[in-house]
C-alpha cells in the first residue's frame, strides 16, 4: 500500500484513500490526518475531523462492491460513476478543490455542519 500511495502522490492522481473493491479493507493516507497540524482534514485550529475527512471515508466506502455494486471513476461515466451520481444530486457550492473533488463533494453534501 505504501508504494501505491507513493506513486499516487501528486495532483491530479493524488490519493487520500484506497478501498478493496470486493473485501472489507480500506486504507487512508493517515500521515495527512495529524490533528496537531493545521491541514485539510481537521477543522480550523482544532483536532476534530472536518467535512473533507468524512467525505474521504464516505468516498472509499462507496467503492465497495457491497454498496450499490461499487461506485467507480469510469471514463466515460456509467450509472455508478461517482461524478455522474454527484451531478444528479448537484455539485455543492463552496468547493475549494482540496485534493479530491468527489471526497470534497461528499463531505459538503453529507457533513456540511463540519465545515
PDB file of N, CA and C in Angstrom:
ATOM      1  N   UNK A   1       0.813  -1.193   0.000  1.00  0.00           N
ATOM      2  CA  UNK A   1       0.000   0.000   0.000  1.00  0.00           C
ATOM      3  C   UNK A   1       0.855   1.254   0.000  1.00  0.00           C
ATOM      4  N   UNK A   2       1.957   1.216   0.741  1.00  0.00           N
ATOM      5  CA  UNK A   2       2.833   2.379   0.782  1.00  0.00           C
ATOM      6  C   UNK A   2       3.346   2.761  -0.585  1.00  0.00           C
ATOM      7  N   UNK A   3       3.683   1.755  -1.389  1.00  0.00           N
ATOM      8  CA  UNK A   3       4.159   2.032  -2.742  1.00  0.00           C
ATOM      9  C   UNK A   3       3.051   2.619  -3.604  1.00  0.00           C
ATOM     10  N   UNK A   4       1.814   2.131  -3.426  1.00  0.00           N
ATOM     11  CA  UNK A   4       0.685   2.662  -4.197  1.00  0.00           C
ATOM     12  C   UNK A   4       0.454   4.127  -3.853  1.00  0.00           C
ATOM     13  N   UNK A   5       0.453   4.451  -2.554  1.00  0.00           N
ATOM     14  CA  UNK A   5       0.287   5.848  -2.157  1.00  0.00           C
ATOM     15  C   UNK A   5       1.452   6.697  -2.665  1.00  0.00           C
ATOM     16  N   UNK A   6       2.663   6.158  -2.626  1.00  0.00           N
ATOM     17  CA  UNK A   6       3.825   6.907  -3.110  1.00  0.00           C
ATOM     18  C   UNK A   6       3.709   7.207  -4.601  1.00  0.00           C
ATOM     19  N   UNK A   7       3.139   6.286  -5.362  1.00  0.00           N
ATOM     20  CA  UNK A   7       3.019   6.519  -6.804  1.00  0.00           C
ATOM     21  C   UNK A   7       1.802   7.368  -7.158  1.00  0.00           C
ATOM     22  N   UNK A   8       0.937   7.651  -6.203  1.00  0.00           N
ATOM     23  CA  UNK A   8      -0.243   8.497  -6.402  1.00  0.00           C
ATOM     24  C   UNK A   8      -0.186   9.671  -5.435  1.00  0.00           C
ATOM     25  N   UNK A   9       0.900  10.441  -5.523  1.00  0.00           N
ATOM     26  CA  UNK A   9       1.106  11.487  -4.522  1.00  0.00           C
ATOM     27  C   UNK A   9       1.156  12.901  -5.082  1.00  0.00           C
ATOM     28  N   UNK A  10       0.759  13.066  -6.342  1.00  0.00           N
ATOM     29  CA  UNK A  10       0.704  14.417  -6.899  1.00  0.00           C
ATOM     30  C   UNK A  10      -0.625  14.624  -7.615  1.00  0.00           C
ATOM     31  N   UNK A  11      -1.105  15.847  -7.587  1.00  0.00           N
ATOM     32  CA  UNK A  11      -2.348  16.200  -8.250  1.00  0.00           C
ATOM     33  C   UNK A  11      -2.158  16.072  -9.750  1.00  0.00           C
ATOM     34  N   UNK A  12      -3.038  15.503 -10.524  1.00  0.00           N
ATOM     35  CA  UNK A  12      -4.406  15.116 -10.212  1.00  0.00           C
ATOM     36  C   UNK A  12      -4.573  13.671  -9.787  1.00  0.00           C
ATOM     37  N   UNK A  13      -3.484  12.905  -9.652  1.00  0.00           N
ATOM     38  CA  UNK A  13      -3.631  11.498  -9.259  1.00  0.00           C
ATOM     39  C   UNK A  13      -3.388  11.282  -7.773  1.00  0.00           C
ATOM     40  N   UNK A  14      -3.440  12.363  -6.981  1.00  0.00           N
ATOM     41  CA  UNK A  14      -3.205  12.247  -5.541  1.00  0.00           C
ATOM     42  C   UNK A  14      -4.269  11.371  -4.899  1.00  0.00           C
ATOM     43  N   UNK A  15      -3.850  10.480  -4.032  1.00  0.00           N
ATOM     44  CA  UNK A  15      -4.783   9.555  -3.386  1.00  0.00           C
ATOM     45  C   UNK A  15      -4.795   9.774  -1.879  1.00  0.00           C
ATOM     46  N   UNK A  16      -5.976  10.088  -1.339  1.00  0.00           N
ATOM     47  CA  UNK A  16      -6.147  10.199   0.107  1.00  0.00           C
ATOM     48  C   UNK A  16      -6.510   8.852   0.716  1.00  0.00           C
ATOM     49  N   UNK A  17      -7.095   7.983  -0.083  1.00  0.00           N
ATOM     50  CA  UNK A  17      -7.521   6.686   0.418  1.00  0.00           C
ATOM     51  C   UNK A  17      -7.627   5.665  -0.690  1.00  0.00           C
ATOM     52  N   UNK A  18      -7.802   4.412  -0.300  1.00  0.00           N
ATOM     53  CA  UNK A  18      -7.930   3.316  -1.252  1.00  0.00           C
ATOM     54  C   UNK A  18      -8.821   2.252  -0.636  1.00  0.00           C
ATOM     55  N   UNK A  19      -9.723   1.681  -1.422  1.00  0.00           N
ATOM     56  CA  UNK A  19     -10.640   0.649  -0.942  1.00  0.00           C
ATOM     57  C   UNK A  19     -10.441  -0.641  -1.694  1.00  0.00           C
ATOM     58  N   UNK A  20     -10.574  -1.728  -0.968  1.00  0.00           N
ATOM     59  CA  UNK A  20     -10.595  -3.047  -1.585  1.00  0.00           C
ATOM     60  C   UNK A  20     -12.012  -3.260  -2.105  1.00  0.00           C
ATOM     61  N   UNK A  21     -12.180  -3.408  -3.407  1.00  0.00           N
ATOM     62  CA  UNK A  21     -13.497  -3.456  -4.046  1.00  0.00           C
ATOM     63  C   UNK A  21     -14.370  -4.581  -3.501  1.00  0.00           C
ATOM     64  N   UNK A  22     -13.849  -5.783  -3.397  1.00  0.00           N
ATOM     65  CA  UNK A  22     -14.676  -6.925  -3.006  1.00  0.00           C
ATOM     66  C   UNK A  22     -14.288  -7.484  -1.641  1.00  0.00           C
ATOM     67  N   UNK A  23     -13.752  -6.664  -0.783  1.00  0.00           N
ATOM     68  CA  UNK A  23     -13.391  -7.086   0.570  1.00  0.00           C
ATOM     69  C   UNK A  23     -13.703  -5.996   1.569  1.00  0.00           C
ATOM     70  N   UNK A  24     -13.206  -6.174   2.779  1.00  0.00           N
ATOM     71  CA  UNK A  24     -13.505  -5.230   3.850  1.00  0.00           C
ATOM     72  C   UNK A  24     -12.485  -4.114   4.000  1.00  0.00           C
ATOM     73  N   UNK A  25     -11.296  -4.273   3.438  1.00  0.00           N
ATOM     74  CA  UNK A  25     -10.195  -3.352   3.726  1.00  0.00           C
ATOM     75  C   UNK A  25     -10.376  -1.977   3.075  1.00  0.00           C
ATOM     76  N   UNK A  26     -10.045  -0.957   3.856  1.00  0.00           N
ATOM     77  CA  UNK A  26      -9.971   0.425   3.386  1.00  0.00           C
ATOM     78  C   UNK A  26      -8.696   1.008   3.988  1.00  0.00           C
ATOM     79  N   UNK A  27      -7.897   1.695   3.165  1.00  0.00           N
ATOM     80  CA  UNK A  27      -6.666   2.316   3.627  1.00  0.00           C
ATOM     81  C   UNK A  27      -6.754   3.815   3.431  1.00  0.00           C
ATOM     82  N   UNK A  28      -6.169   4.557   4.353  1.00  0.00           N
ATOM     83  CA  UNK A  28      -6.123   6.012   4.247  1.00  0.00           C
ATOM     84  C   UNK A  28      -4.696   6.486   4.431  1.00  0.00           C
ATOM     85  N   UNK A  29      -4.375   7.585   3.811  1.00  0.00           N
ATOM     86  CA  UNK A  29      -3.064   8.211   3.948  1.00  0.00           C
ATOM     87  C   UNK A  29      -3.091   8.998   5.262  1.00  0.00           C
ATOM     88  N   UNK A  30      -2.957   8.295   6.377  1.00  0.00           N
ATOM     89  CA  UNK A  30      -3.157   8.896   7.690  1.00  0.00           C
ATOM     90  C   UNK A  30      -2.097   9.920   8.066  1.00  0.00           C
ATOM     91  N   UNK A  31      -0.952   9.911   7.402  1.00  0.00           N
ATOM     92  CA  UNK A  31       0.048  10.929   7.728  1.00  0.00           C
ATOM     93  C   UNK A  31      -0.461  12.324   7.398  1.00  0.00           C
ATOM     94  N   UNK A  32      -1.523  12.432   6.598  1.00  0.00           N
ATOM     95  CA  UNK A  32      -2.135  13.731   6.303  1.00  0.00           C
ATOM     96  C   UNK A  32      -3.196  14.115   7.332  1.00  0.00           C
ATOM     97  N   UNK A  33      -3.542  13.233   8.239  1.00  0.00           N
ATOM     98  CA  UNK A  33      -4.654  13.447   9.157  1.00  0.00           C
ATOM     99  C   UNK A  33      -4.219  13.909  10.540  1.00  0.00           C
ATOM    100  N   UNK A  34      -2.941  14.215  10.734  1.00  0.00           N
ATOM    101  CA  UNK A  34      -2.452  14.620  12.048  1.00  0.00           C
ATOM    102  C   UNK A  34      -3.164  15.887  12.507  1.00  0.00           C
ATOM    103  N   UNK A  35      -3.852  15.808  13.636  1.00  0.00           N
ATOM    104  CA  UNK A  35      -4.639  16.931  14.125  1.00  0.00           C
ATOM    105  C   UNK A  35      -3.829  18.068  14.705  1.00  0.00           C
ATOM    106  N   UNK A  36      -2.565  17.822  15.044  1.00  0.00           N
ATOM    107  CA  UNK A  36      -1.788  18.891  15.647  1.00  0.00           C
ATOM    108  C   UNK A  36      -1.225  19.859  14.609  1.00  0.00           C
ATOM    109  N   UNK A  37      -1.428  19.589  13.366  1.00  0.00           N
ATOM    110  CA  UNK A  37      -1.007  20.484  12.291  1.00  0.00           C
ATOM    111  C   UNK A  37      -2.264  20.942  11.552  1.00  0.00           C
ATOM    112  N   UNK A  38      -2.364  22.226  11.285  1.00  0.00           N
ATOM    113  CA  UNK A  38      -3.493  22.722  10.511  1.00  0.00           C
ATOM    114  C   UNK A  38      -3.406  22.116   9.116  1.00  0.00           C
ATOM    115  N   UNK A  39      -4.406  21.340   8.743  1.00  0.00           N
ATOM    116  CA  UNK A  39      -4.357  20.669   7.447  1.00  0.00           C
ATOM    117  C   UNK A  39      -5.756  20.523   6.868  1.00  0.00           C
ATOM    118  N   UNK A  40      -5.839  19.847   5.740  1.00  0.00           N
ATOM    119  CA  UNK A  40      -7.096  19.724   5.017  1.00  0.00           C
ATOM    120  C   UNK A  40      -8.115  18.822   5.698  1.00  0.00           C
ATOM    121  N   UNK A  41      -7.718  18.009   6.666  1.00  0.00           N
ATOM    122  CA  UNK A  41      -8.632  17.049   7.277  1.00  0.00           C
ATOM    123  C   UNK A  41      -9.173  17.483   8.640  1.00  0.00           C
ATOM    124  N   UNK A  42      -8.689  18.572   9.190  1.00  0.00           N
ATOM    125  CA  UNK A  42      -9.164  18.993  10.504  1.00  0.00           C
ATOM    126  C   UNK A  42      -9.841  20.355  10.418  1.00  0.00           C
ATOM    127  N   UNK A  43     -10.767  20.571  11.365  1.00  0.00           N
ATOM    128  CA  UNK A  43     -11.419  21.873  11.433  1.00  0.00           C
ATOM    129  C   UNK A  43     -10.392  22.918  11.848  1.00  0.00           C
ATOM    130  N   UNK A  44     -10.600  24.121  11.417  1.00  0.00           N
ATOM    131  CA  UNK A  44      -9.667  25.220  11.655  1.00  0.00           C
ATOM    132  C   UNK A  44      -9.266  25.308  13.127  1.00  0.00           C
ATOM    133  N   UNK A  45      -7.956  25.246  13.401  1.00  0.00           N
ATOM    134  CA  UNK A  45      -7.396  25.301  14.760  1.00  0.00           C
ATOM    135  C   UNK A  45      -8.070  24.307  15.701  1.00  0.00           C
ATOM    136  N   UNK A  46      -8.241  23.086  15.237  1.00  0.00           N
ATOM    137  CA  UNK A  46      -8.901  22.049  16.018  1.00  0.00           C
ATOM    138  C   UNK A  46      -8.275  20.703  15.697  1.00  0.00           C
ATOM    139  N   UNK A  47      -8.500  19.732  16.556  1.00  0.00           N
ATOM    140  CA  UNK A  47      -8.078  18.359  16.258  1.00  0.00           C
ATOM    141  C   UNK A  47      -9.258  17.528  15.772  1.00  0.00           C
ATOM    142  N   UNK A  48     -10.433  18.160  15.590  1.00  0.00           N
ATOM    143  CA  UNK A  48     -11.624  17.451  15.141  1.00  0.00           C
ATOM    144  C   UNK A  48     -11.639  17.342  13.623  1.00  0.00           C
ATOM    145  N   UNK A  49     -12.068  16.181  13.139  1.00  0.00           N
ATOM    146  CA  UNK A  49     -12.117  15.970  11.695  1.00  0.00           C
ATOM    147  C   UNK A  49     -13.180  16.849  11.059  1.00  0.00           C
ATOM    148  N   UNK A  50     -12.904  17.286   9.831  1.00  0.00           N
ATOM    149  CA  UNK A  50     -13.824  18.162   9.122  1.00  0.00           C
ATOM    150  C   UNK A  50     -14.616  17.399   8.058  1.00  0.00           C
ATOM    151  N   UNK A  51     -15.387  18.130   7.273  1.00  0.00           N
ATOM    152  CA  UNK A  51     -16.234  17.550   6.232  1.00  0.00           C
ATOM    153  C   UNK A  51     -15.415  16.787   5.193  1.00  0.00           C
ATOM    154  N   UNK A  52     -14.209  17.264   4.866  1.00  0.00           N
ATOM    155  CA  UNK A  52     -13.395  16.608   3.842  1.00  0.00           C
ATOM    156  C   UNK A  52     -12.896  15.244   4.332  1.00  0.00           C
ATOM    157  N   UNK A  53     -12.519  15.163   5.592  1.00  0.00           N
ATOM    158  CA  UNK A  53     -12.078  13.882   6.149  1.00  0.00           C
ATOM    159  C   UNK A  53     -13.210  12.856   6.082  1.00  0.00           C
ATOM    160  N   UNK A  54     -14.396  13.242   6.534  1.00  0.00           N
ATOM    161  CA  UNK A  54     -15.520  12.302   6.499  1.00  0.00           C
ATOM    162  C   UNK A  54     -15.989  12.043   5.078  1.00  0.00           C
ATOM    163  N   UNK A  55     -15.861  13.026   4.193  1.00  0.00           N
ATOM    164  CA  UNK A  55     -16.169  12.807   2.782  1.00  0.00           C
ATOM    165  C   UNK A  55     -15.219  11.799   2.153  1.00  0.00           C
ATOM    166  N   UNK A  56     -13.955  11.804   2.590  1.00  0.00           N
ATOM    167  CA  UNK A  56     -12.971  10.834   2.095  1.00  0.00           C
ATOM    168  C   UNK A  56     -13.334   9.428   2.565  1.00  0.00           C
ATOM    169  N   UNK A  57     -13.749   9.296   3.821  1.00  0.00           N
ATOM    170  CA  UNK A  57     -14.198   7.989   4.321  1.00  0.00           C
ATOM    171  C   UNK A  57     -15.414   7.525   3.523  1.00  0.00           C
ATOM    172  N   UNK A  58     -16.386   8.409   3.307  1.00  0.00           N
ATOM    173  CA  UNK A  58     -17.580   8.078   2.527  1.00  0.00           C
ATOM    174  C   UNK A  58     -17.202   7.653   1.111  1.00  0.00           C
ATOM    175  N   UNK A  59     -16.301   8.387   0.483  1.00  0.00           N
ATOM    176  CA  UNK A  59     -15.827   8.103  -0.868  1.00  0.00           C
ATOM    177  C   UNK A  59     -15.301   6.668  -0.945  1.00  0.00           C
ATOM    178  N   UNK A  60     -14.447   6.291   0.001  1.00  0.00           N
ATOM    179  CA  UNK A  60     -13.854   4.947  -0.033  1.00  0.00           C
ATOM    180  C   UNK A  60     -14.884   3.859   0.248  1.00  0.00           C
ATOM    181  N   UNK A  61     -15.826   4.114   1.134  1.00  0.00           N
ATOM    182  CA  UNK A  61     -16.880   3.130   1.406  1.00  0.00           C
ATOM    183  C   UNK A  61     -17.747   2.923   0.166  1.00  0.00           C
ATOM    184  N   UNK A  62     -18.009   3.981  -0.583  1.00  0.00           N
ATOM    185  CA  UNK A  62     -18.830   3.861  -1.793  1.00  0.00           C
ATOM    186  C   UNK A  62     -18.156   3.032  -2.886  1.00  0.00           C
ATOM    187  N   UNK A  63     -16.856   2.845  -2.821  1.00  0.00           N
ATOM    188  CA  UNK A  63     -16.172   1.982  -3.782  1.00  0.00           C
ATOM    189  C   UNK A  63     -16.457   0.496  -3.526  1.00  0.00           C
ATOM    190  N   UNK A  64     -16.958   0.160  -2.355  1.00  0.00           N
ATOM    191  CA  UNK A  64     -17.194  -1.239  -2.001  1.00  0.00           C
ATOM    192  C   UNK A  64     -18.261  -1.866  -2.880  1.00  0.00           C
ATOM    193  N   UNK A  65     -17.989  -3.057  -3.362  1.00  0.00           N
ATOM    194  CA  UNK A  65     -18.933  -3.799  -4.195  1.00  0.00           C
ATOM    195  C   UNK A  65     -20.263  -3.989  -3.464  1.00  0.00           C
ATOM    196  N   UNK A  66     -20.218  -4.145  -2.146  1.00  0.00           N
ATOM    197  CA  UNK A  66     -21.427  -4.362  -1.353  1.00  0.00           C
ATOM    198  C   UNK A  66     -22.279  -3.104  -1.226  1.00  0.00           C
ATOM    199  N   UNK A  67     -21.766  -1.955  -1.645  1.00  0.00           N
ATOM    200  CA  UNK A  67     -22.504  -0.697  -1.562  1.00  0.00           C
ATOM    201  C   UNK A  67     -22.930  -0.297  -2.973  1.00  0.00           C
ATOM    202  N   UNK A  68     -24.127  -0.648  -3.338  1.00  0.00           N
ATOM    203  CA  UNK A  68     -24.653  -0.280  -4.652  1.00  0.00           C
ATOM    204  C   UNK A  68     -23.893  -0.871  -5.820  1.00  0.00           C
ATOM    205  N   UNK A  69     -23.182  -1.966  -5.602  1.00  0.00           N
ATOM    206  CA  UNK A  69     -22.401  -2.587  -6.662  1.00  0.00           C
ATOM    207  C   UNK A  69     -21.003  -2.022  -6.796  1.00  0.00           C
ATOM    208  N   UNK A  70     -20.656  -1.053  -5.971  1.00  0.00           N
ATOM    209  CA  UNK A  70     -19.332  -0.441  -6.009  1.00  0.00           C
ATOM    210  C   UNK A  70     -19.299   0.736  -6.962  1.00  0.00           C
ATOM    211  N   UNK A  71     -19.143   1.932  -6.419  1.00  0.00           N
ATOM    212  CA  UNK A  71     -19.105   3.123  -7.262  1.00  0.00           C
ATOM    213  C   UNK A  71     -17.707   3.301  -7.851  1.00  0.00           C
ATOM    214  N   UNK A  72     -17.633   3.899  -9.027  1.00  0.00           N
ATOM    215  CA  UNK A  72     -16.407   3.894  -9.818  1.00  0.00           C
ATOM    216  C   UNK A  72     -15.983   5.310 -10.222  1.00  0.00           C
ATOM    217  N   UNK A  73     -14.885   5.355 -10.941  1.00  0.00           N
ATOM    218  CA  UNK A  73     -14.402   6.575 -11.601  1.00  0.00           C
ATOM    219  C   UNK A  73     -14.230   6.248 -13.081  1.00  0.00           C
ATOM    220  N   UNK A  74     -15.249   5.701 -13.686  1.00  0.00           N
ATOM    221  CA  UNK A  74     -15.156   5.257 -15.082  1.00  0.00           C
ATOM    222  C   UNK A  74     -15.200   6.413 -16.065  1.00  0.00           C
ATOM    223  N   UNK A  75     -14.412   6.292 -17.095  1.00  0.00           N
ATOM    224  CA  UNK A  75     -14.425   7.242 -18.203  1.00  0.00           C
ATOM    225  C   UNK A  75     -14.637   6.437 -19.473  1.00  0.00           C
ATOM    226  N   UNK A  76     -15.699   6.599 -20.224  1.00  0.00           N
ATOM    227  CA  UNK A  76     -16.809   7.512 -19.943  1.00  0.00           C
ATOM    228  C   UNK A  76     -17.629   7.014 -18.757  1.00  0.00           C
ATOM    229  N   UNK A  77     -18.319   7.920 -18.105  1.00  0.00           N
ATOM    230  CA  UNK A  77     -19.076   7.553 -16.905  1.00  0.00           C
ATOM    231  C   UNK A  77     -20.210   6.577 -17.198  1.00  0.00           C
ATOM    232  N   UNK A  78     -20.427   5.687 -16.241  1.00  0.00           N
ATOM    233  CA  UNK A  78     -21.566   4.777 -16.321  1.00  0.00           C
ATOM    234  C   UNK A  78     -22.518   5.108 -15.173  1.00  0.00           C
ATOM    235  N   UNK A  79     -23.499   4.263 -14.937  1.00  0.00           N
ATOM    236  CA  UNK A  79     -24.529   4.546 -13.928  1.00  0.00           C
ATOM    237  C   UNK A  79     -23.968   4.636 -12.517  1.00  0.00           C
ATOM    238  N   UNK A  80     -22.829   3.992 -12.246  1.00  0.00           N
ATOM    239  CA  UNK A  80     -22.258   4.013 -10.897  1.00  0.00           C
ATOM    240  C   UNK A  80     -21.038   4.939 -10.783  1.00  0.00           C
ATOM    241  N   UNK A  81     -20.789   5.747 -11.780  1.00  0.00           N
ATOM    242  CA  UNK A  81     -19.669   6.672 -11.724  1.00  0.00           C
ATOM    243  C   UNK A  81     -19.948   7.761 -10.687  1.00  0.00           C
ATOM    244  N   UNK A  82     -18.981   8.019  -9.809  1.00  0.00           N
ATOM    245  CA  UNK A  82     -19.185   8.988  -8.720  1.00  0.00           C
ATOM    246  C   UNK A  82     -19.506  10.383  -9.237  1.00  0.00           C
ATOM    247  N   UNK A  83     -18.809  10.839 -10.268  1.00  0.00           N
ATOM    248  CA  UNK A  83     -19.093  12.175 -10.809  1.00  0.00           C
ATOM    249  C   UNK A  83     -20.525  12.260 -11.332  1.00  0.00           C
ATOM    250  N   UNK A  84     -20.980  11.208 -11.991  1.00  0.00           N
ATOM    251  CA  UNK A  84     -22.348  11.199 -12.530  1.00  0.00           C
ATOM    252  C   UNK A  84     -23.372  11.240 -11.397  1.00  0.00           C
ATOM    253  N   UNK A  85     -23.132  10.455 -10.359  1.00  0.00           N
ATOM    254  CA  UNK A  85     -24.059  10.405  -9.220  1.00  0.00           C
ATOM    255  C   UNK A  85     -24.120  11.763  -8.519  1.00  0.00           C
ATOM    256  N   UNK A  86     -22.958  12.379  -8.296  1.00  0.00           N
ATOM    257  CA  UNK A  86     -22.943  13.691  -7.646  1.00  0.00           C
ATOM    258  C   UNK A  86     -23.646  14.716  -8.532  1.00  0.00           C
ATOM    259  N   UNK A  87     -23.447  14.629  -9.841  1.00  0.00           N
ATOM    260  CA  UNK A  87     -24.113  15.556 -10.765  1.00  0.00           C
ATOM    261  C   UNK A  87     -25.623  15.445 -10.700  1.00  0.00           C
ATOM    262  N   UNK A  88     -26.130  14.227 -10.479  1.00  0.00           N
ATOM    263  CA  UNK A  88     -27.581  14.039 -10.368  1.00  0.00           C
ATOM    264  C   UNK A  88     -28.145  14.753  -9.144  1.00  0.00           C
ATOM    265  N   UNK A  89     -27.383  14.769  -8.071  1.00  0.00           N
ATOM    266  CA  UNK A  89     -27.798  15.460  -6.844  1.00  0.00           C
ATOM    267  C   UNK A  89     -27.515  16.947  -6.973  1.00  0.00           C
ATOM    268  N   UNK A  90     -26.412  17.264  -7.619  1.00  0.00           N
ATOM    269  CA  UNK A  90     -25.970  18.652  -7.767  1.00  0.00           C
ATOM    270  C   UNK A  90     -24.683  18.876  -7.006  1.00  0.00           C
ATOM    271  N   UNK A  91     -23.652  19.310  -7.715  1.00  0.00           N
ATOM    272  CA  UNK A  91     -22.376  19.584  -7.057  1.00  0.00           C
ATOM    273  C   UNK A  91     -22.582  20.715  -6.046  1.00  0.00           C
ATOM    274  N   UNK A  92     -22.072  20.557  -4.834  1.00  0.00           N
ATOM    275  CA  UNK A  92     -22.289  21.589  -3.814  1.00  0.00           C
ATOM    276  C   UNK A  92     -21.521  22.873  -4.121  1.00  0.00           C
ATOM    277  N   UNK A  93     -22.048  23.959  -3.645  1.00  0.00           N
ATOM    278  CA  UNK A  93     -21.342  25.233  -3.811  1.00  0.00           C
ATOM    279  C   UNK A  93     -20.264  25.344  -2.739  1.00  0.00           C
ATOM    280  N   UNK A  94     -19.323  26.202  -2.965  1.00  0.00           N
ATOM    281  CA  UNK A  94     -18.280  26.458  -1.975  1.00  0.00           C
ATOM    282  C   UNK A  94     -17.131  25.477  -1.986  1.00  0.00           C
ATOM    283  N   UNK A  95     -16.993  24.694  -3.058  1.00  0.00           N
ATOM    284  CA  UNK A  95     -15.879  23.754  -3.122  1.00  0.00           C
ATOM    285  C   UNK A  95     -14.579  24.530  -3.340  1.00  0.00           C
ATOM    286  N   UNK A  96     -13.502  24.049  -2.698  1.00  0.00           N
ATOM    287  CA  UNK A  96     -12.213  24.725  -2.813  1.00  0.00           C
ATOM    288  C   UNK A  96     -11.170  23.858  -3.509  1.00  0.00           C
ATOM    289  N   UNK A  97     -11.550  22.691  -4.021  1.00  0.00           N
ATOM    290  CA  UNK A  97     -10.665  21.809  -4.779  1.00  0.00           C
ATOM    291  C   UNK A  97      -9.426  21.452  -3.968  1.00  0.00           C
ATOM    292  N   UNK A  98      -9.639  20.798  -2.830  1.00  0.00           N
ATOM    293  CA  UNK A  98      -8.546  20.446  -1.923  1.00  0.00           C
ATOM    294  C   UNK A  98      -7.593  19.457  -2.595  1.00  0.00           C
ATOM    295  N   UNK A  99      -7.980  18.225  -2.733  1.00  0.00           N
ATOM    296  CA  UNK A  99      -7.213  17.223  -3.476  1.00  0.00           C
ATOM    297  C   UNK A  99      -8.133  16.351  -4.297  1.00  0.00           C
ATOM    298  N   UNK A 100      -9.244  15.961  -3.709  1.00  0.00           N
ATOM    299  CA  UNK A 100     -10.143  15.045  -4.390  1.00  0.00           C
ATOM    300  C   UNK A 100     -11.536  15.652  -4.422  1.00  0.00           C
ATOM    301  N   UNK A 101     -11.997  15.989  -5.603  1.00  0.00           N
ATOM    302  CA  UNK A 101     -13.275  16.707  -5.717  1.00  0.00           C
ATOM    303  C   UNK A 101     -14.460  15.846  -5.313  1.00  0.00           C
ATOM    304  N   UNK A 102     -14.400  14.525  -5.538  1.00  0.00           N
ATOM    305  CA  UNK A 102     -15.503  13.668  -5.107  1.00  0.00           C
ATOM    306  C   UNK A 102     -15.577  13.613  -3.581  1.00  0.00           C
ATOM    307  N   UNK A 103     -14.431  13.447  -2.923  1.00  0.00           N
ATOM    308  CA  UNK A 103     -14.414  13.427  -1.458  1.00  0.00           C
ATOM    309  C   UNK A 103     -14.923  14.747  -0.890  1.00  0.00           C
ATOM    310  N   UNK A 104     -14.492  15.845  -1.499  1.00  0.00           N
ATOM    311  CA  UNK A 104     -14.950  17.156  -1.025  1.00  0.00           C
ATOM    312  C   UNK A 104     -16.457  17.309  -1.227  1.00  0.00           C
ATOM    313  N   UNK A 105     -16.960  16.868  -2.379  1.00  0.00           N
ATOM    314  CA  UNK A 105     -18.403  16.971  -2.646  1.00  0.00           C
ATOM    315  C   UNK A 105     -19.206  16.119  -1.667  1.00  0.00           C
ATOM    316  N   UNK A 106     -18.786  14.869  -1.444  1.00  0.00           N
ATOM    317  CA  UNK A 106     -19.499  14.020  -0.481  1.00  0.00           C
ATOM    318  C   UNK A 106     -19.475  14.640   0.907  1.00  0.00           C
ATOM    319  N   UNK A 107     -18.336  15.210   1.283  1.00  0.00           N
ATOM    320  CA  UNK A 107     -18.244  15.856   2.590  1.00  0.00           C
ATOM    321  C   UNK A 107     -19.185  17.031   2.728  1.00  0.00           C
ATOM    322  N   UNK A 108     -19.229  17.878   1.707  1.00  0.00           N
ATOM    323  CA  UNK A 108     -20.115  19.051   1.762  1.00  0.00           C
ATOM    324  C   UNK A 108     -21.581  18.653   1.687  1.00  0.00           C
ATOM    325  N   UNK A 109     -21.900  17.619   0.919  1.00  0.00           N
ATOM    326  CA  UNK A 109     -23.299  17.179   0.818  1.00  0.00           C
ATOM    327  C   UNK A 109     -23.777  16.450   2.066  1.00  0.00           C
ATOM    328  N   UNK A 110     -22.913  15.631   2.659  1.00  0.00           N
ATOM    329  CA  UNK A 110     -23.330  14.777   3.775  1.00  0.00           C
ATOM    330  C   UNK A 110     -22.990  15.329   5.152  1.00  0.00           C
ATOM    331  N   UNK A 111     -21.958  16.148   5.243  1.00  0.00           N
ATOM    332  CA  UNK A 111     -21.481  16.638   6.554  1.00  0.00           C
ATOM    333  C   UNK A 111     -21.238  18.146   6.527  1.00  0.00           C
ATOM    334  N   UNK A 112     -22.198  18.942   6.060  1.00  0.00           N
ATOM    335  CA  UNK A 112     -21.966  20.385   5.949  1.00  0.00           C
ATOM    336  C   UNK A 112     -21.733  21.064   7.294  1.00  0.00           C
ATOM    337  N   UNK A 113     -22.199  20.462   8.371  1.00  0.00           N
ATOM    338  CA  UNK A 113     -22.020  21.046   9.700  1.00  0.00           C
ATOM    339  C   UNK A 113     -20.572  20.965  10.180  1.00  0.00           C
ATOM    340  N   UNK A 114     -19.732  20.198   9.489  1.00  0.00           N
ATOM    341  CA  UNK A 114     -18.334  20.050   9.893  1.00  0.00           C
ATOM    342  C   UNK A 114     -17.390  20.925   9.073  1.00  0.00           C
ATOM    343  N   UNK A 115     -17.948  21.903   8.422  1.00  0.00           N
ATOM    344  CA  UNK A 115     -17.158  22.806   7.593  1.00  0.00           C
ATOM    345  C   UNK A 115     -16.277  23.685   8.424  1.00  0.00           C
TER     346      UNK A 115
END
